[in-house]
């Protein structure tokens, strides 16, 4: 189980993560934060989020042959932050861009109906890319993309 206290006083909630087959440490500093969405229904409580995380990890490891869940962190609709691969570990979220990035996935599908977008804040220490900037994809969804674009214009 993974659990850690975050510096902003939000806890990374525990979930029954499988043990990764392997991990690769980042050798340099993170230059880019890449935002994704899971394209799944948003989870509405801790138990459902934990089940969804385990399902995502199983899909990534079994169907996509990843060593672990692809994302470094995942964010639930209520703002709860879950540790995926965590800090200092190469992710598997944006092929060709994993060795200098941190992958953060918002748990939900931001393509369909507009969802209540929470106020987003990031440090100006990172360049913020949506997955669609790096390859042909609809990720992170039109509504999250719009919210992130507004964030960029206000920071």
C-alpha atoms as a PDB file:
ATOM      1  CA  UNK A   1       0.000   0.000   0.000  1.00  0.00           C
ATOM      2  CA  UNK A   2       1.188   3.464  -0.797  1.00  0.00           C
ATOM      3  CA  UNK A   3       0.650   6.317   1.612  1.00  0.00           C
ATOM      4  CA  UNK A   4       2.464   9.568   2.166  1.00  0.00           C
ATOM      5  CA  UNK A   5       1.618  13.005   3.528  1.00  0.00           C
ATOM      6  CA  UNK A   6       1.733  15.726   0.897  1.00  0.00           C
ATOM      7  CA  UNK A   7       3.396  19.050   1.659  1.00  0.00           C
ATOM      8  CA  UNK A   8       0.144  20.954   1.043  1.00  0.00           C
ATOM      9  CA  UNK A   9      -1.477  19.021   3.916  1.00  0.00           C
ATOM     10  CA  UNK A  10      -3.522  16.782   1.610  1.00  0.00           C
ATOM     11  CA  UNK A  11      -2.875  13.112   2.107  1.00  0.00           C
ATOM     12  CA  UNK A  12      -2.095  10.696  -0.680  1.00  0.00           C
ATOM     13  CA  UNK A  13      -4.754   8.157   0.174  1.00  0.00           C
ATOM     14  CA  UNK A  14      -3.818   4.504   0.521  1.00  0.00           C
ATOM     15  CA  UNK A  15      -4.955   2.082  -2.133  1.00  0.00           C
ATOM     16  CA  UNK A  16      -4.236  -1.594  -2.659  1.00  0.00           C
ATOM     17  CA  UNK A  17      -1.594  -1.137  -5.338  1.00  0.00           C
ATOM     18  CA  UNK A  18       0.100  -4.143  -6.870  1.00  0.00           C
ATOM     19  CA  UNK A  19       3.864  -4.283  -6.536  1.00  0.00           C
ATOM     20  CA  UNK A  20       5.508  -2.833  -9.663  1.00  0.00           C
ATOM     21  CA  UNK A  21       7.436  -5.303 -11.823  1.00  0.00           C
ATOM     22  CA  UNK A  22      10.255  -2.758 -12.104  1.00  0.00           C
ATOM     23  CA  UNK A  23      10.965   0.934 -11.548  1.00  0.00           C
ATOM     24  CA  UNK A  24      13.357   3.286 -13.274  1.00  0.00           C
ATOM     25  CA  UNK A  25      14.589   6.304 -11.365  1.00  0.00           C
ATOM     26  CA  UNK A  26      14.621   9.667 -13.101  1.00  0.00           C
ATOM     27  CA  UNK A  27      18.234  10.648 -13.678  1.00  0.00           C
ATOM     28  CA  UNK A  28      17.597  14.354 -14.217  1.00  0.00           C
ATOM     29  CA  UNK A  29      15.152  16.922 -12.987  1.00  0.00           C
ATOM     30  CA  UNK A  30      11.543  17.085 -14.087  1.00  0.00           C
ATOM     31  CA  UNK A  31      11.195  19.678 -16.848  1.00  0.00           C
ATOM     32  CA  UNK A  32       7.568  19.125 -17.843  1.00  0.00           C
ATOM     33  CA  UNK A  33       4.294  18.307 -16.111  1.00  0.00           C
ATOM     34  CA  UNK A  34       1.978  16.461 -18.491  1.00  0.00           C
ATOM     35  CA  UNK A  35      -1.736  16.507 -17.723  1.00  0.00           C
ATOM     36  CA  UNK A  36      -3.980  13.580 -18.631  1.00  0.00           C
ATOM     37  CA  UNK A  37      -7.462  12.366 -17.839  1.00  0.00           C
ATOM     38  CA  UNK A  38      -8.389   8.750 -17.202  1.00  0.00           C
ATOM     39  CA  UNK A  39     -11.395   8.930 -19.594  1.00  0.00           C
ATOM     40  CA  UNK A  40     -13.384   6.969 -17.005  1.00  0.00           C
ATOM     41  CA  UNK A  41     -16.359   8.087 -14.930  1.00  0.00           C
ATOM     42  CA  UNK A  42     -15.304  10.308 -12.044  1.00  0.00           C
ATOM     43  CA  UNK A  43     -15.016   8.494  -8.735  1.00  0.00           C
ATOM     44  CA  UNK A  44     -17.358   9.837  -6.099  1.00  0.00           C
ATOM     45  CA  UNK A  45     -15.963   8.388  -2.871  1.00  0.00           C
ATOM     46  CA  UNK A  46     -12.734   6.950  -1.522  1.00  0.00           C
ATOM     47  CA  UNK A  47     -13.728   3.300  -2.039  1.00  0.00           C
ATOM     48  CA  UNK A  48     -14.720   3.886  -5.669  1.00  0.00           C
ATOM     49  CA  UNK A  49     -11.512   5.834  -6.302  1.00  0.00           C
ATOM     50  CA  UNK A  50      -9.427   3.026  -4.801  1.00  0.00           C
ATOM     51  CA  UNK A  51     -11.230   0.471  -6.998  1.00  0.00           C
ATOM     52  CA  UNK A  52     -10.710   2.633 -10.076  1.00  0.00           C
ATOM     53  CA  UNK A  53      -6.992   3.049  -9.294  1.00  0.00           C
ATOM     54  CA  UNK A  54      -6.561  -0.718  -8.951  1.00  0.00           C
ATOM     55  CA  UNK A  55      -8.428  -1.207 -12.242  1.00  0.00           C
ATOM     56  CA  UNK A  56      -6.269   1.372 -14.047  1.00  0.00           C
ATOM     57  CA  UNK A  57      -3.110  -0.243 -12.680  1.00  0.00           C
ATOM     58  CA  UNK A  58      -4.282  -3.725 -13.732  1.00  0.00           C
ATOM     59  CA  UNK A  59      -5.098  -2.428 -17.228  1.00  0.00           C
ATOM     60  CA  UNK A  60      -1.716  -0.754 -17.549  1.00  0.00           C
ATOM     61  CA  UNK A  61       0.211  -3.786 -16.279  1.00  0.00           C
ATOM     62  CA  UNK A  62      -1.790  -6.608 -17.891  1.00  0.00           C
ATOM     63  CA  UNK A  63      -3.171  -5.145 -21.114  1.00  0.00           C
ATOM     64  CA  UNK A  64      -0.528  -2.556 -21.933  1.00  0.00           C
ATOM     65  CA  UNK A  65       2.485  -4.430 -20.483  1.00  0.00           C
ATOM     66  CA  UNK A  66       3.629  -1.490 -18.324  1.00  0.00           C
ATOM     67  CA  UNK A  67       5.675  -2.221 -15.203  1.00  0.00           C
ATOM     68  CA  UNK A  68       3.196  -0.269 -13.042  1.00  0.00           C
ATOM     69  CA  UNK A  69       0.383   2.250 -13.352  1.00  0.00           C
ATOM     70  CA  UNK A  70       1.550   4.756 -15.962  1.00  0.00           C
ATOM     71  CA  UNK A  71       0.946   8.014 -14.101  1.00  0.00           C
ATOM     72  CA  UNK A  72       3.046   9.498 -11.319  1.00  0.00           C
ATOM     73  CA  UNK A  73      -0.023  10.941  -9.563  1.00  0.00           C
ATOM     74  CA  UNK A  74      -3.792  10.924 -10.021  1.00  0.00           C
ATOM     75  CA  UNK A  75      -6.294  13.521  -8.804  1.00  0.00           C
ATOM     76  CA  UNK A  76      -9.876  12.662  -7.825  1.00  0.00           C
ATOM     77  CA  UNK A  77     -12.775  15.041  -8.438  1.00  0.00           C
ATOM     78  CA  UNK A  78     -12.724  16.205  -4.803  1.00  0.00           C
ATOM     79  CA  UNK A  79      -9.019  17.085  -5.047  1.00  0.00           C
ATOM     80  CA  UNK A  80      -7.696  13.973  -3.302  1.00  0.00           C
ATOM     81  CA  UNK A  81      -4.216  13.233  -4.617  1.00  0.00           C
ATOM     82  CA  UNK A  82      -3.258   9.585  -5.144  1.00  0.00           C
ATOM     83  CA  UNK A  83       0.273   8.374  -5.649  1.00  0.00           C
ATOM     84  CA  UNK A  84       0.814   6.333  -8.790  1.00  0.00           C
ATOM     85  CA  UNK A  85       4.499   5.790  -9.539  1.00  0.00           C
ATOM     86  CA  UNK A  86       5.310   8.746  -7.306  1.00  0.00           C
ATOM     87  CA  UNK A  87       8.219  11.190  -7.291  1.00  0.00           C
ATOM     88  CA  UNK A  88      11.540  10.472  -8.935  1.00  0.00           C
ATOM     89  CA  UNK A  89      10.276   7.560 -11.041  1.00  0.00           C
ATOM     90  CA  UNK A  90       9.990   7.439 -14.830  1.00  0.00           C
ATOM     91  CA  UNK A  91       6.329   7.163 -15.789  1.00  0.00           C
ATOM     92  CA  UNK A  92       4.647   5.480 -18.758  1.00  0.00           C
ATOM     93  CA  UNK A  93       2.146   8.157 -19.720  1.00  0.00           C
ATOM     94  CA  UNK A  94       3.499  10.014 -22.783  1.00  0.00           C
ATOM     95  CA  UNK A  95       5.702   7.905 -25.055  1.00  0.00           C
ATOM     96  CA  UNK A  96       8.929   9.692 -25.861  1.00  0.00           C
ATOM     97  CA  UNK A  97       8.445  12.208 -23.039  1.00  0.00           C
ATOM     98  CA  UNK A  98       8.602  10.117 -19.864  1.00  0.00           C
ATOM     99  CA  UNK A  99      12.252  10.672 -18.884  1.00  0.00           C
ATOM    100  CA  UNK A 100      11.940  14.381 -18.077  1.00  0.00           C
ATOM    101  CA  UNK A 101       8.297  14.647 -17.059  1.00  0.00           C
ATOM    102  CA  UNK A 102       5.779  14.057 -14.331  1.00  0.00           C
ATOM    103  CA  UNK A 103       2.435  12.594 -15.435  1.00  0.00           C
ATOM    104  CA  UNK A 104      -0.672  13.711 -13.562  1.00  0.00           C
ATOM    105  CA  UNK A 105      -4.045  12.217 -14.479  1.00  0.00           C
ATOM    106  CA  UNK A 106      -7.361  13.736 -13.460  1.00  0.00           C
ATOM    107  CA  UNK A 107      -9.766  10.915 -12.640  1.00  0.00           C
ATOM    108  CA  UNK A 108     -12.736  11.455 -14.921  1.00  0.00           C
ATOM    109  CA  UNK A 109     -13.738  11.922 -18.519  1.00  0.00           C
ATOM    110  CA  UNK A 110     -13.450  15.546 -19.541  1.00  0.00           C
ATOM    111  CA  UNK A 111     -14.683  15.071 -23.122  1.00  0.00           C
ATOM    112  CA  UNK A 112     -18.456  14.915 -22.610  1.00  0.00           C
ATOM    113  CA  UNK A 113     -20.605  17.070 -20.392  1.00  0.00           C
ATOM    114  CA  UNK A 114     -18.872  19.972 -18.714  1.00  0.00           C
ATOM    115  CA  UNK A 115     -17.901  19.038 -15.175  1.00  0.00           C
ATOM    116  CA  UNK A 116     -17.385  21.433 -12.314  1.00  0.00           C
ATOM    117  CA  UNK A 117     -13.727  22.277 -12.712  1.00  0.00           C
ATOM    118  CA  UNK A 118     -11.976  22.946  -9.418  1.00  0.00           C
ATOM    119  CA  UNK A 119      -9.619  25.918  -9.151  1.00  0.00           C
ATOM    120  CA  UNK A 120      -6.243  24.704 -10.308  1.00  0.00           C
ATOM    121  CA  UNK A 121      -2.946  26.091  -9.050  1.00  0.00           C
ATOM    122  CA  UNK A 122       0.535  25.074 -10.126  1.00  0.00           C
ATOM    123  CA  UNK A 123       4.009  26.322  -9.484  1.00  0.00           C
ATOM    124  CA  UNK A 124       5.680  28.343 -12.217  1.00  0.00           C
ATOM    125  CA  UNK A 125       8.689  26.026 -11.872  1.00  0.00           C
ATOM    126  CA  UNK A 126       7.200  23.676 -14.478  1.00  0.00           C
ATOM    127  CA  UNK A 127       6.124  23.878 -18.074  1.00  0.00           C
ATOM    128  CA  UNK A 128       2.575  22.537 -18.270  1.00  0.00           C
ATOM    129  CA  UNK A 129       1.658  20.398 -21.274  1.00  0.00           C
ATOM    130  CA  UNK A 130      -1.544  18.609 -22.057  1.00  0.00           C
ATOM    131  CA  UNK A 131      -1.033  15.197 -23.627  1.00  0.00           C
ATOM    132  CA  UNK A 132      -2.605  16.561 -26.847  1.00  0.00           C
ATOM    133  CA  UNK A 133       0.381  18.936 -27.217  1.00  0.00           C
ATOM    134  CA  UNK A 134       2.707  15.943 -27.558  1.00  0.00           C
ATOM    135  CA  UNK A 135       0.765  13.499 -29.716  1.00  0.00           C
ATOM    136  CA  UNK A 136      -2.541  13.029 -31.510  1.00  0.00           C
ATOM    137  CA  UNK A 137      -4.991  12.388 -28.685  1.00  0.00           C
ATOM    138  CA  UNK A 138      -8.115  13.867 -27.130  1.00  0.00           C
ATOM    139  CA  UNK A 139      -6.469  13.682 -23.702  1.00  0.00           C
ATOM    140  CA  UNK A 140      -6.987  15.481 -21.302  1.00  0.00           C
ATOM    141  CA  UNK A 141     -10.466  16.234 -22.664  1.00  0.00           C
ATOM    142  CA  UNK A 142     -11.944  19.462 -23.979  1.00  0.00           C
ATOM    143  CA  UNK A 143     -13.238  20.749 -20.631  1.00  0.00           C
ATOM    144  CA  UNK A 144     -10.020  20.112 -18.700  1.00  0.00           C
ATOM    145  CA  UNK A 145      -8.061  21.540 -21.651  1.00  0.00           C
ATOM    146  CA  UNK A 146     -10.109  24.770 -21.436  1.00  0.00           C
ATOM    147  CA  UNK A 147      -9.591  24.992 -17.669  1.00  0.00           C
ATOM    148  CA  UNK A 148      -5.848  24.493 -18.057  1.00  0.00           C
ATOM    149  CA  UNK A 149      -5.703  27.128 -20.791  1.00  0.00           C
ATOM    150  CA  UNK A 150      -7.379  29.589 -18.415  1.00  0.00           C
ATOM    151  CA  UNK A 151      -4.887  28.635 -15.718  1.00  0.00           C
ATOM    152  CA  UNK A 152      -2.012  29.359 -18.093  1.00  0.00           C
ATOM    153  CA  UNK A 153      -3.399  32.806 -18.894  1.00  0.00           C
ATOM    154  CA  UNK A 154      -3.771  33.719 -15.192  1.00  0.00           C
ATOM    155  CA  UNK A 155      -0.439  32.457 -13.849  1.00  0.00           C
END
